[in-house]
Amino acid sequence: MRALARSPPRGGWSLRRRRDGQQRGGNSTALAKLGLSAGDRVRFRRRDGGRWREGVVSGIHKDGSVALHDEDGRARAITSERLELRTTGPRGATTWEPLPEHAARPEQLRLL
C-alpha cells in the first residue's frame, strides 16, 4: 500500500529553480504592474452568480492570469477581470475593489 502524502525532505521544502535560473511562482514586477504582491488576499467567482471564494496571490502565469491558492490550498489561475482585491476603506473597514480598477489607479509610493 502506498502512502497518500509525501513527507518533506530532510532539509525542508524549498523553491526549486527552473532551467533558465528563475524561481517558480511568478515575477514580482509583473505583480507590481497590477498593484499586487505575493501574499495579498483576493476573492473570485468561478461562475457568474456563484459564491465568492477567497485566496492568496502567489504569482503570475505566462498567459497573464494571476496564480493564487484558494482557502482549501488548491492552486488556481484566474484572469484579473474576475478578481477583487481586499483593501481597507477610509474608516478602517474591509472593502473589496475590482482588480482592473485598482491596477488603473496611480499608487502613491510608501514612505520608508
C-alpha atoms as a PDB file:
ATOM      1  CA  MET A   1       0.000   0.000   0.000  1.00  0.00           C
ATOM      2  CA  ARG A   2       1.356   3.442  -0.985  1.00  0.00           C
ATOM      3  CA  ALA A   3       1.458   6.451   1.299  1.00  0.00           C
ATOM      4  CA  LEU A   4      -1.002   9.188   0.310  1.00  0.00           C
ATOM      5  CA  ALA A   5       1.088  12.178   1.367  1.00  0.00           C
ATOM      6  CA  ARG A   6       4.777  12.826   0.948  1.00  0.00           C
ATOM      7  CA  SER A   7       6.802  13.907   3.915  1.00  0.00           C
ATOM      8  CA  PRO A   8       9.186  16.868   3.487  1.00  0.00           C
ATOM      9  CA  PRO A   9      12.829  16.135   2.669  1.00  0.00           C
ATOM     10  CA  ARG A  10      15.412  16.371   5.446  1.00  0.00           C
ATOM     11  CA  GLY A  11      16.377  19.937   4.584  1.00  0.00           C
ATOM     12  CA  GLY A  12      12.736  21.023   4.288  1.00  0.00           C
ATOM     13  CA  TRP A  13      10.868  22.232   1.227  1.00  0.00           C
ATOM     14  CA  SER A  14      12.497  24.858  -0.952  1.00  0.00           C
ATOM     15  CA  LEU A  15      11.566  26.824  -4.047  1.00  0.00           C
ATOM     16  CA  ARG A  16      13.089  24.952  -6.946  1.00  0.00           C
ATOM     17  CA  ARG A  17      14.678  26.846  -9.781  1.00  0.00           C
ATOM     18  CA  ARG A  18      13.668  26.394 -13.390  1.00  0.00           C
ATOM     19  CA  ARG A  19      16.198  25.584 -16.083  1.00  0.00           C
ATOM     20  CA  ASP A  20      16.541  29.250 -17.004  1.00  0.00           C
ATOM     21  CA  GLY A  21      17.573  30.102 -13.415  1.00  0.00           C
ATOM     22  CA  GLN A  22      14.388  31.885 -12.303  1.00  0.00           C
ATOM     23  CA  GLN A  23      12.334  30.763  -9.333  1.00  0.00           C
ATOM     24  CA  ARG A  24       8.858  29.351  -9.832  1.00  0.00           C
ATOM     25  CA  GLY A  25       5.865  31.312  -8.648  1.00  0.00           C
ATOM     26  CA  GLY A  26       5.794  34.357 -10.902  1.00  0.00           C
ATOM     27  CA  ASN A  27       7.502  37.653 -11.375  1.00  0.00           C
ATOM     28  CA  SER A  28       7.184  40.343  -8.711  1.00  0.00           C
ATOM     29  CA  THR A  29       7.474  43.176 -11.269  1.00  0.00           C
ATOM     30  CA  ALA A  30       4.528  41.758 -13.238  1.00  0.00           C
ATOM     31  CA  LEU A  31       2.539  41.601  -9.991  1.00  0.00           C
ATOM     32  CA  ALA A  32       3.517  45.188  -9.182  1.00  0.00           C
ATOM     33  CA  LYS A  33       2.105  46.351 -12.542  1.00  0.00           C
ATOM     34  CA  LEU A  34      -1.280  45.029 -11.401  1.00  0.00           C
ATOM     35  CA  GLY A  35      -0.888  46.600  -7.975  1.00  0.00           C
ATOM     36  CA  LEU A  36      -0.440  43.213  -6.307  1.00  0.00           C
ATOM     37  CA  SER A  37       2.234  41.486  -4.283  1.00  0.00           C
ATOM     38  CA  ALA A  38       2.646  37.872  -3.244  1.00  0.00           C
ATOM     39  CA  GLY A  39       0.501  37.160  -0.191  1.00  0.00           C
ATOM     40  CA  ASP A  40      -2.290  39.657  -0.994  1.00  0.00           C
ATOM     41  CA  ARG A  41      -5.822  38.472  -0.187  1.00  0.00           C
ATOM     42  CA  VAL A  42      -8.200  38.327  -3.157  1.00  0.00           C
ATOM     43  CA  ARG A  43     -11.592  36.853  -3.899  1.00  0.00           C
ATOM     44  CA  PHE A  44     -13.045  35.376  -7.077  1.00  0.00           C
ATOM     45  CA  ARG A  45     -16.108  33.676  -8.513  1.00  0.00           C
ATOM     46  CA  ARG A  46     -15.797  30.572 -10.648  1.00  0.00           C
ATOM     47  CA  ARG A  47     -19.110  31.344 -12.392  1.00  0.00           C
ATOM     48  CA  ASP A  48     -21.319  34.414 -12.657  1.00  0.00           C
ATOM     49  CA  GLY A  49     -23.733  34.347  -9.745  1.00  0.00           C
ATOM     50  CA  GLY A  50     -21.613  31.826  -7.819  1.00  0.00           C
ATOM     51  CA  ARG A  51     -20.398  32.387  -4.314  1.00  0.00           C
ATOM     52  CA  TRP A  52     -17.215  34.321  -3.629  1.00  0.00           C
ATOM     53  CA  ARG A  53     -14.126  32.292  -2.751  1.00  0.00           C
ATOM     54  CA  GLU A  54     -11.070  33.822  -1.099  1.00  0.00           C
ATOM     55  CA  GLY A  55      -7.472  33.143  -1.993  1.00  0.00           C
ATOM     56  CA  VAL A  56      -3.885  34.330  -1.613  1.00  0.00           C
ATOM     57  CA  VAL A  57      -1.846  35.632  -4.559  1.00  0.00           C
ATOM     58  CA  SER A  58       1.313  33.658  -5.335  1.00  0.00           C
ATOM     59  CA  GLY A  59       2.445  34.910  -8.761  1.00  0.00           C
ATOM     60  CA  ILE A  60       1.691  35.460 -12.453  1.00  0.00           C
ATOM     61  CA  HIS A  61       1.422  32.793 -15.146  1.00  0.00           C
ATOM     62  CA  LYS A  62       2.862  33.135 -18.667  1.00  0.00           C
ATOM     63  CA  ASP A  63      -0.599  33.805 -20.119  1.00  0.00           C
ATOM     64  CA  GLY A  64      -1.097  36.779 -17.753  1.00  0.00           C
ATOM     65  CA  SER A  65      -3.510  35.127 -15.342  1.00  0.00           C
ATOM     66  CA  VAL A  66      -2.937  35.529 -11.613  1.00  0.00           C
ATOM     67  CA  ALA A  67      -1.659  32.450  -9.764  1.00  0.00           C
ATOM     68  CA  LEU A  68      -3.289  32.003  -6.364  1.00  0.00           C
ATOM     69  CA  HIS A  69      -4.183  29.414  -3.756  1.00  0.00           C
ATOM     70  CA  ASP A  70      -7.765  29.191  -2.532  1.00  0.00           C
ATOM     71  CA  GLU A  71      -8.892  28.584   1.057  1.00  0.00           C
ATOM     72  CA  ASP A  72      -8.548  24.808   0.572  1.00  0.00           C
ATOM     73  CA  GLY A  73      -4.950  25.166  -0.652  1.00  0.00           C
ATOM     74  CA  ARG A  74      -5.752  24.391  -4.293  1.00  0.00           C
ATOM     75  CA  ALA A  75      -3.722  26.229  -6.934  1.00  0.00           C
ATOM     76  CA  ARG A  76      -5.813  28.388  -9.269  1.00  0.00           C
ATOM     77  CA  ALA A  77      -5.122  30.525 -12.346  1.00  0.00           C
ATOM     78  CA  ILE A  78      -7.719  33.314 -12.552  1.00  0.00           C
ATOM     79  CA  THR A  79      -7.856  36.210 -15.004  1.00  0.00           C
ATOM     80  CA  SER A  80      -7.505  39.654 -13.448  1.00  0.00           C
ATOM     81  CA  GLU A  81     -11.017  40.687 -14.591  1.00  0.00           C
ATOM     82  CA  ARG A  82     -12.556  38.096 -12.242  1.00  0.00           C
ATOM     83  CA  LEU A  83     -10.573  39.122  -9.128  1.00  0.00           C
ATOM     84  CA  GLU A  84     -11.274  41.589  -6.348  1.00  0.00           C
ATOM     85  CA  LEU A  85      -8.520  42.802  -4.019  1.00  0.00           C
ATOM     86  CA  ARG A  86      -9.027  43.126  -0.272  1.00  0.00           C
ATOM     87  CA  THR A  87      -8.378  46.735   0.788  1.00  0.00           C
ATOM     88  CA  THR A  88      -9.007  48.911   3.817  1.00  0.00           C
ATOM     89  CA  GLY A  89     -11.531  51.737   3.499  1.00  0.00           C
ATOM     90  CA  PRO A  90     -11.098  55.291   4.818  1.00  0.00           C
ATOM     91  CA  ARG A  91     -12.527  54.359   8.234  1.00  0.00           C
ATOM     92  CA  GLY A  92     -10.700  51.067   8.569  1.00  0.00           C
ATOM     93  CA  ALA A  93     -13.397  48.730   7.253  1.00  0.00           C
ATOM     94  CA  THR A  94     -12.517  45.871   4.907  1.00  0.00           C
ATOM     95  CA  THR A  95     -13.643  46.530   1.339  1.00  0.00           C
ATOM     96  CA  TRP A  96     -13.226  44.638  -1.929  1.00  0.00           C
ATOM     97  CA  GLU A  97     -12.033  46.517  -5.009  1.00  0.00           C
ATOM     98  CA  PRO A  98     -12.120  45.054  -8.538  1.00  0.00           C
ATOM     99  CA  LEU A  99      -8.544  44.405  -9.665  1.00  0.00           C
ATOM    100  CA  PRO A 100      -8.784  46.272 -13.019  1.00  0.00           C
ATOM    101  CA  GLU A 101      -9.874  49.442 -11.165  1.00  0.00           C
ATOM    102  CA  HIS A 102      -7.092  49.007  -8.612  1.00  0.00           C
ATOM    103  CA  ALA A 103      -4.477  48.492 -11.342  1.00  0.00           C
ATOM    104  CA  ALA A 104      -5.634  51.595 -13.277  1.00  0.00           C
ATOM    105  CA  ARG A 105      -5.382  53.884 -10.255  1.00  0.00           C
ATOM    106  CA  PRO A 106      -1.987  55.536  -9.718  1.00  0.00           C
ATOM    107  CA  GLU A 107      -0.478  54.466  -6.417  1.00  0.00           C
ATOM    108  CA  GLN A 108       1.468  56.728  -4.112  1.00  0.00           C
ATOM    109  CA  LEU A 109       4.869  55.418  -3.075  1.00  0.00           C
ATOM    110  CA  ARG A 110       5.199  54.263   0.531  1.00  0.00           C
ATOM    111  CA  LEU A 111       7.355  56.294   2.882  1.00  0.00           C
ATOM    112  CA  LEU A 112      10.234  54.413   4.455  1.00  0.00           C
END
